[in-house]
Amino acid sequence: MLGRPWREAEFCVVDLETTGLDLRRDSIVSFGAVRVVSGRVQAGQAVYQIVRPETQISVPAVRIHGLRPADLAGAPPAAAALPVLASLLDGRILVAHAAWIEQAFLSRALRPLGVRLGGPVIDTAALTRAAGLARGVPPGQEPSLEATAVAVGLQPHDPHNALGDALTTAELLLVLASRLGAVTAADLAAISARHGPGR
């Protein structure tokens, strides 16, 4: 998969909303997942799911994504909700914006299901830095998904909604891969590694 031209590879673009940003304690409250196949965003097959969290939602998190405890009370727990996401990731390259955050939450949430994230990851925040579009972003901060999308001529979809952000990230992937002159999926993974957080 990695050695293929990136336009022939299959990607699964994921965005998560969570109870907070403590990577060891907080949990997932929703996810959006979009496949990118043959250089095309498969919007019609996108998946959105709310998840009943294992921890209390922080007030700052509610302010960002708008999901309150009452909204999630009837949602399936992670063990019931996440197998769908695991199947979408199977055999595909994971893509996320500021992917280290999604990786940390997904690794912990999928472990009880016997699923391990071990494959390559493409980070559109890292690709943004590589493309020179993160000027002015303070050290230690990730470039904004919405601001980057606008900067390359995209219209962000429903910011801070997991599906909206996954769709925006999928479109951004295609724009940045073209701008960076990447040939293979391996090129994108290597650029992501070189320009990851703190680089």
C-alpha atoms as a PDB file:
ATOM      1  CA  MET A   1       0.000   0.000   0.000  1.00  0.00           C
ATOM      2  CA  LEU A   2       2.735   2.499   0.928  1.00  0.00           C
ATOM      3  CA  GLY A   3       4.740   1.939  -2.245  1.00  0.00           C
ATOM      4  CA  ARG A   4       1.777   2.678  -4.491  1.00  0.00           C
ATOM      5  CA  PRO A   5       1.219   6.101  -6.061  1.00  0.00           C
ATOM      6  CA  TRP A   6      -0.772   7.958  -3.418  1.00  0.00           C
ATOM      7  CA  ARG A   7      -3.689   8.407  -5.815  1.00  0.00           C
ATOM      8  CA  GLU A   8      -4.029   4.608  -5.926  1.00  0.00           C
ATOM      9  CA  ALA A   9      -3.778   4.075  -2.164  1.00  0.00           C
ATOM     10  CA  GLU A  10      -6.703   3.789   0.240  1.00  0.00           C
ATOM     11  CA  PHE A  11      -6.843   6.115   3.216  1.00  0.00           C
ATOM     12  CA  CYS A  12      -9.166   6.361   6.199  1.00  0.00           C
ATOM     13  CA  VAL A  13      -9.396   9.930   7.447  1.00  0.00           C
ATOM     14  CA  VAL A  14     -10.470  10.108  11.085  1.00  0.00           C
ATOM     15  CA  ASP A  15     -11.447  12.903  13.424  1.00  0.00           C
ATOM     16  CA  LEU A  16     -12.353  12.450  17.076  1.00  0.00           C
ATOM     17  CA  GLU A  17     -14.117  14.631  19.605  1.00  0.00           C
ATOM     18  CA  THR A  18     -13.315  13.809  23.213  1.00  0.00           C
ATOM     19  CA  THR A  19     -14.162  14.587  26.833  1.00  0.00           C
ATOM     20  CA  GLY A  20     -10.929  16.615  27.057  1.00  0.00           C
ATOM     21  CA  LEU A  21      -7.304  16.511  25.985  1.00  0.00           C
ATOM     22  CA  ASP A  22      -5.764  14.362  28.701  1.00  0.00           C
ATOM     23  CA  LEU A  23      -4.456  11.541  26.522  1.00  0.00           C
ATOM     24  CA  ARG A  24      -4.383   9.083  29.453  1.00  0.00           C
ATOM     25  CA  ARG A  25      -7.706   9.883  31.117  1.00  0.00           C
ATOM     26  CA  ASP A  26     -10.179  11.411  28.659  1.00  0.00           C
ATOM     27  CA  SER A  27     -12.270   9.379  26.233  1.00  0.00           C
ATOM     28  CA  ILE A  28     -13.940   9.605  22.829  1.00  0.00           C
ATOM     29  CA  VAL A  29     -17.429  11.138  22.517  1.00  0.00           C
ATOM     30  CA  SER A  30     -17.742  11.029  18.713  1.00  0.00           C
ATOM     31  CA  PHE A  31     -15.871  10.057  15.597  1.00  0.00           C
ATOM     32  CA  GLY A  32     -16.073  10.818  11.917  1.00  0.00           C
ATOM     33  CA  ALA A  33     -14.401   8.604   9.317  1.00  0.00           C
ATOM     34  CA  VAL A  34     -14.080   9.196   5.587  1.00  0.00           C
ATOM     35  CA  ARG A  35     -12.419   6.910   3.058  1.00  0.00           C
ATOM     36  CA  VAL A  36     -10.270   8.362   0.290  1.00  0.00           C
ATOM     37  CA  VAL A  37      -9.969   5.938  -2.624  1.00  0.00           C
ATOM     38  CA  SER A  38      -8.163   6.580  -5.924  1.00  0.00           C
ATOM     39  CA  GLY A  39      -7.669  10.222  -5.012  1.00  0.00           C
ATOM     40  CA  ARG A  40     -11.372  10.800  -4.325  1.00  0.00           C
ATOM     41  CA  VAL A  41     -13.170  11.539  -1.071  1.00  0.00           C
ATOM     42  CA  GLN A  42     -15.941   8.967  -0.555  1.00  0.00           C
ATOM     43  CA  ALA A  43     -18.299  11.406   1.181  1.00  0.00           C
ATOM     44  CA  GLY A  44     -21.369   9.274   0.505  1.00  0.00           C
ATOM     45  CA  GLN A  45     -19.891   6.433   2.581  1.00  0.00           C
ATOM     46  CA  ALA A  46     -18.702   8.615   5.467  1.00  0.00           C
ATOM     47  CA  VAL A  47     -19.457   7.415   8.996  1.00  0.00           C
ATOM     48  CA  TYR A  48     -20.387   9.508  12.022  1.00  0.00           C
ATOM     49  CA  GLN A  49     -21.045   8.056  15.467  1.00  0.00           C
ATOM     50  CA  ILE A  50     -21.523   9.464  18.936  1.00  0.00           C
ATOM     51  CA  VAL A  51     -20.070   7.403  21.790  1.00  0.00           C
ATOM     52  CA  ARG A  52     -21.094   7.217  25.450  1.00  0.00           C
ATOM     53  CA  PRO A  53     -17.868   8.269  27.202  1.00  0.00           C
ATOM     54  CA  GLU A  54     -16.196   6.523  30.096  1.00  0.00           C
ATOM     55  CA  THR A  55     -15.237   9.813  31.731  1.00  0.00           C
ATOM     56  CA  GLN A  56     -17.021  13.069  32.465  1.00  0.00           C
ATOM     57  CA  ILE A  57     -16.966  15.688  29.699  1.00  0.00           C
ATOM     58  CA  SER A  58     -15.053  18.821  30.628  1.00  0.00           C
ATOM     59  CA  VAL A  59     -16.772  22.185  30.254  1.00  0.00           C
ATOM     60  CA  PRO A  60     -14.128  23.450  27.765  1.00  0.00           C
ATOM     61  CA  ALA A  61     -14.716  20.343  25.600  1.00  0.00           C
ATOM     62  CA  VAL A  62     -18.491  20.929  25.565  1.00  0.00           C
ATOM     63  CA  ARG A  63     -17.850  24.523  24.502  1.00  0.00           C
ATOM     64  CA  ILE A  64     -15.801  23.265  21.553  1.00  0.00           C
ATOM     65  CA  HIS A  65     -17.856  20.367  20.176  1.00  0.00           C
ATOM     66  CA  GLY A  66     -21.256  21.101  21.752  1.00  0.00           C
ATOM     67  CA  LEU A  67     -21.900  17.508  22.868  1.00  0.00           C
ATOM     68  CA  ARG A  68     -23.386  17.468  26.381  1.00  0.00           C
ATOM     69  CA  PRO A  69     -23.787  14.471  28.699  1.00  0.00           C
ATOM     70  CA  ALA A  70     -27.524  14.416  27.891  1.00  0.00           C
ATOM     71  CA  ASP A  71     -26.731  14.165  24.168  1.00  0.00           C
ATOM     72  CA  LEU A  72     -24.580  11.093  24.775  1.00  0.00           C
ATOM     73  CA  ALA A  73     -26.639   9.262  27.405  1.00  0.00           C
ATOM     74  CA  GLY A  74     -28.264   6.957  24.837  1.00  0.00           C
ATOM     75  CA  ALA A  75     -25.165   6.494  22.678  1.00  0.00           C
ATOM     76  CA  PRO A  76     -23.432   3.116  22.471  1.00  0.00           C
ATOM     77  CA  PRO A  77     -20.322   2.628  24.609  1.00  0.00           C
ATOM     78  CA  ALA A  78     -16.923   2.494  22.928  1.00  0.00           C
ATOM     79  CA  ALA A  79     -16.908  -1.322  22.850  1.00  0.00           C
ATOM     80  CA  ALA A  80     -20.068  -1.287  20.706  1.00  0.00           C
ATOM     81  CA  ALA A  81     -19.342   1.832  18.628  1.00  0.00           C
ATOM     82  CA  LEU A  82     -15.686   1.405  17.711  1.00  0.00           C
ATOM     83  CA  PRO A  83     -15.722  -1.913  15.775  1.00  0.00           C
ATOM     84  CA  VAL A  84     -17.160   0.015  12.799  1.00  0.00           C
ATOM     85  CA  LEU A  85     -14.191   2.391  12.903  1.00  0.00           C
ATOM     86  CA  ALA A  86     -11.753  -0.509  13.323  1.00  0.00           C
ATOM     87  CA  SER A  87     -13.142  -2.143  10.176  1.00  0.00           C
ATOM     88  CA  LEU A  88     -12.775   1.105   8.217  1.00  0.00           C
ATOM     89  CA  LEU A  89      -9.136   1.397   9.312  1.00  0.00           C
ATOM     90  CA  ASP A  90      -8.322  -2.213   8.433  1.00  0.00           C
ATOM     91  CA  GLY A  91      -5.991  -2.291   5.422  1.00  0.00           C
ATOM     92  CA  ARG A  92      -6.079   1.494   4.984  1.00  0.00           C
ATOM     93  CA  ILE A  93      -3.639   4.253   5.863  1.00  0.00           C
ATOM     94  CA  LEU A  94      -4.771   6.372   8.824  1.00  0.00           C
ATOM     95  CA  VAL A  95      -4.932  10.126   8.158  1.00  0.00           C
ATOM     96  CA  ALA A  96      -5.715  12.796  10.750  1.00  0.00           C
ATOM     97  CA  HIS A  97      -4.964  16.425  11.498  1.00  0.00           C
ATOM     98  CA  ALA A  98      -2.551  16.564  14.446  1.00  0.00           C
ATOM     99  CA  ALA A  99      -2.563  12.787  14.138  1.00  0.00           C
ATOM    100  CA  TRP A 100      -0.603  12.153  17.345  1.00  0.00           C
ATOM    101  CA  ILE A 101      -3.751  13.083  19.299  1.00  0.00           C
ATOM    102  CA  GLU A 102      -6.024  10.751  17.324  1.00  0.00           C
ATOM    103  CA  GLN A 103      -3.401   7.989  17.503  1.00  0.00           C
ATOM    104  CA  ALA A 104      -3.184   8.220  21.289  1.00  0.00           C
ATOM    105  CA  PHE A 105      -6.957   8.126  21.824  1.00  0.00           C
ATOM    106  CA  LEU A 106      -7.551   5.430  19.194  1.00  0.00           C
ATOM    107  CA  SER A 107      -4.745   3.187  20.429  1.00  0.00           C
ATOM    108  CA  ARG A 108      -6.131   3.206  23.947  1.00  0.00           C
ATOM    109  CA  ALA A 109      -9.783   2.833  22.878  1.00  0.00           C
ATOM    110  CA  LEU A 110      -9.159   0.021  20.368  1.00  0.00           C
ATOM    111  CA  ARG A 111      -6.821  -2.037  22.574  1.00  0.00           C
ATOM    112  CA  PRO A 112      -9.687  -3.733  24.507  1.00  0.00           C
ATOM    113  CA  LEU A 113     -11.094  -4.832  21.126  1.00  0.00           C
ATOM    114  CA  GLY A 114      -7.809  -6.532  20.266  1.00  0.00           C
ATOM    115  CA  VAL A 115      -7.009  -3.942  17.589  1.00  0.00           C
ATOM    116  CA  ARG A 116      -3.554  -2.416  17.391  1.00  0.00           C
ATOM    117  CA  LEU A 117      -2.649   0.648  15.355  1.00  0.00           C
ATOM    118  CA  GLY A 118       0.698  -0.225  13.881  1.00  0.00           C
ATOM    119  CA  GLY A 119       0.595   0.972  10.317  1.00  0.00           C
ATOM    120  CA  PRO A 120       1.722   4.202   8.733  1.00  0.00           C
ATOM    121  CA  VAL A 121       0.048   7.481   9.625  1.00  0.00           C
ATOM    122  CA  ILE A 122      -0.290  10.645   7.587  1.00  0.00           C
ATOM    123  CA  ASP A 123      -0.685  13.891   9.493  1.00  0.00           C
ATOM    124  CA  THR A 124      -2.166  16.836   7.597  1.00  0.00           C
ATOM    125  CA  ALA A 125      -0.849  19.234  10.258  1.00  0.00           C
ATOM    126  CA  ALA A 126       2.680  17.996   9.461  1.00  0.00           C
ATOM    127  CA  LEU A 127       1.972  18.291   5.729  1.00  0.00           C
ATOM    128  CA  THR A 128       0.789  21.858   6.389  1.00  0.00           C
ATOM    129  CA  ARG A 129       4.151  22.675   7.991  1.00  0.00           C
ATOM    130  CA  ALA A 130       6.008  20.992   5.125  1.00  0.00           C
ATOM    131  CA  ALA A 131       4.059  23.086   2.607  1.00  0.00           C
ATOM    132  CA  GLY A 132       5.075  26.303   4.372  1.00  0.00           C
ATOM    133  CA  LEU A 133       1.508  27.093   5.428  1.00  0.00           C
ATOM    134  CA  ALA A 134       2.140  27.169   9.181  1.00  0.00           C
ATOM    135  CA  ARG A 135       4.011  30.462   9.340  1.00  0.00           C
ATOM    136  CA  GLY A 136       2.965  32.422  12.387  1.00  0.00           C
ATOM    137  CA  VAL A 137       1.856  29.321  14.315  1.00  0.00           C
ATOM    138  CA  PRO A 138       3.545  29.536  17.734  1.00  0.00           C
ATOM    139  CA  PRO A 139       6.034  26.780  18.592  1.00  0.00           C
ATOM    140  CA  GLY A 140       4.332  23.835  20.264  1.00  0.00           C
ATOM    141  CA  GLN A 141       0.961  24.538  18.623  1.00  0.00           C
ATOM    142  CA  GLU A 142      -0.610  22.735  15.700  1.00  0.00           C
ATOM    143  CA  PRO A 143      -1.744  24.674  12.623  1.00  0.00           C
ATOM    144  CA  SER A 144      -5.504  25.168  12.612  1.00  0.00           C
ATOM    145  CA  LEU A 145      -7.415  22.802  10.346  1.00  0.00           C
ATOM    146  CA  GLU A 146      -9.956  25.479   9.416  1.00  0.00           C
ATOM    147  CA  ALA A 147      -7.366  28.194   8.778  1.00  0.00           C
ATOM    148  CA  THR A 148      -5.260  25.864   6.629  1.00  0.00           C
ATOM    149  CA  ALA A 149      -8.302  24.762   4.631  1.00  0.00           C
ATOM    150  CA  VAL A 150      -9.254  28.376   3.933  1.00  0.00           C
ATOM    151  CA  ALA A 151      -5.647  29.227   3.027  1.00  0.00           C
ATOM    152  CA  VAL A 152      -5.675  26.601   0.252  1.00  0.00           C
ATOM    153  CA  GLY A 153      -9.110  27.607  -1.042  1.00  0.00           C
ATOM    154  CA  LEU A 154     -11.298  25.017   0.703  1.00  0.00           C
ATOM    155  CA  GLN A 155     -14.537  25.666   2.548  1.00  0.00           C
ATOM    156  CA  PRO A 156     -14.374  23.922   5.970  1.00  0.00           C
ATOM    157  CA  HIS A 157     -17.256  21.556   6.745  1.00  0.00           C
ATOM    158  CA  ASP A 158     -18.982  22.072  10.113  1.00  0.00           C
ATOM    159  CA  PRO A 159     -15.911  22.820  12.306  1.00  0.00           C
ATOM    160  CA  HIS A 160     -15.547  20.875  15.588  1.00  0.00           C
ATOM    161  CA  ASN A 161     -18.001  18.245  14.425  1.00  0.00           C
ATOM    162  CA  ALA A 162     -16.099  14.973  13.982  1.00  0.00           C
ATOM    163  CA  LEU A 163     -17.570  14.244  10.558  1.00  0.00           C
ATOM    164  CA  GLY A 164     -17.201  17.822   9.365  1.00  0.00           C
ATOM    165  CA  ASP A 165     -13.558  17.898  10.405  1.00  0.00           C
ATOM    166  CA  ALA A 166     -12.893  14.476   8.843  1.00  0.00           C
ATOM    167  CA  LEU A 167     -14.306  15.703   5.521  1.00  0.00           C
ATOM    168  CA  THR A 168     -12.227  18.891   5.685  1.00  0.00           C
ATOM    169  CA  THR A 169      -9.117  16.859   6.523  1.00  0.00           C
ATOM    170  CA  ALA A 170      -9.770  14.481   3.612  1.00  0.00           C
ATOM    171  CA  GLU A 171     -10.019  17.355   1.148  1.00  0.00           C
ATOM    172  CA  LEU A 172      -6.951  19.008   2.659  1.00  0.00           C
ATOM    173  CA  LEU A 173      -4.985  15.761   2.243  1.00  0.00           C
ATOM    174  CA  LEU A 174      -5.600  15.808  -1.510  1.00  0.00           C
ATOM    175  CA  VAL A 175      -4.603  19.467  -1.878  1.00  0.00           C
ATOM    176  CA  LEU A 176      -1.432  19.141   0.210  1.00  0.00           C
ATOM    177  CA  ALA A 177      -0.326  15.862  -1.407  1.00  0.00           C
ATOM    178  CA  SER A 178      -0.528  17.582  -4.797  1.00  0.00           C
ATOM    179  CA  ARG A 179       1.234  20.740  -3.594  1.00  0.00           C
ATOM    180  CA  LEU A 180       4.069  18.808  -2.013  1.00  0.00           C
ATOM    181  CA  GLY A 181       4.704  16.778  -5.159  1.00  0.00           C
ATOM    182  CA  ALA A 182       4.329  13.484  -3.324  1.00  0.00           C
ATOM    183  CA  VAL A 183       4.489  10.446  -5.575  1.00  0.00           C
ATOM    184  CA  THR A 184       3.667   7.580  -3.223  1.00  0.00           C
ATOM    185  CA  ALA A 185       1.818   7.100   0.037  1.00  0.00           C
ATOM    186  CA  ALA A 186       5.257   6.386   1.545  1.00  0.00           C
ATOM    187  CA  ASP A 187       6.323   9.903   0.553  1.00  0.00           C
ATOM    188  CA  LEU A 188       3.385  11.363   2.494  1.00  0.00           C
ATOM    189  CA  ALA A 189       4.140   9.217   5.536  1.00  0.00           C
ATOM    190  CA  ALA A 190       7.813  10.258   5.423  1.00  0.00           C
ATOM    191  CA  ILE A 191       6.929  13.954   5.130  1.00  0.00           C
ATOM    192  CA  SER A 192       4.534  13.535   8.068  1.00  0.00           C
ATOM    193  CA  ALA A 193       7.298  11.968  10.177  1.00  0.00           C
ATOM    194  CA  ARG A 194       9.835  14.672   9.259  1.00  0.00           C
ATOM    195  CA  HIS A 195       7.491  17.555  10.004  1.00  0.00           C
ATOM    196  CA  GLY A 196       5.655  16.122  13.018  1.00  0.00           C
ATOM    197  CA  PRO A 197       5.177  17.942  16.352  1.00  0.00           C
ATOM    198  CA  GLY A 198       8.297  19.676  17.593  1.00  0.00           C
ATOM    199  CA  ARG A 199      10.105  19.443  14.248  1.00  0.00           C
END
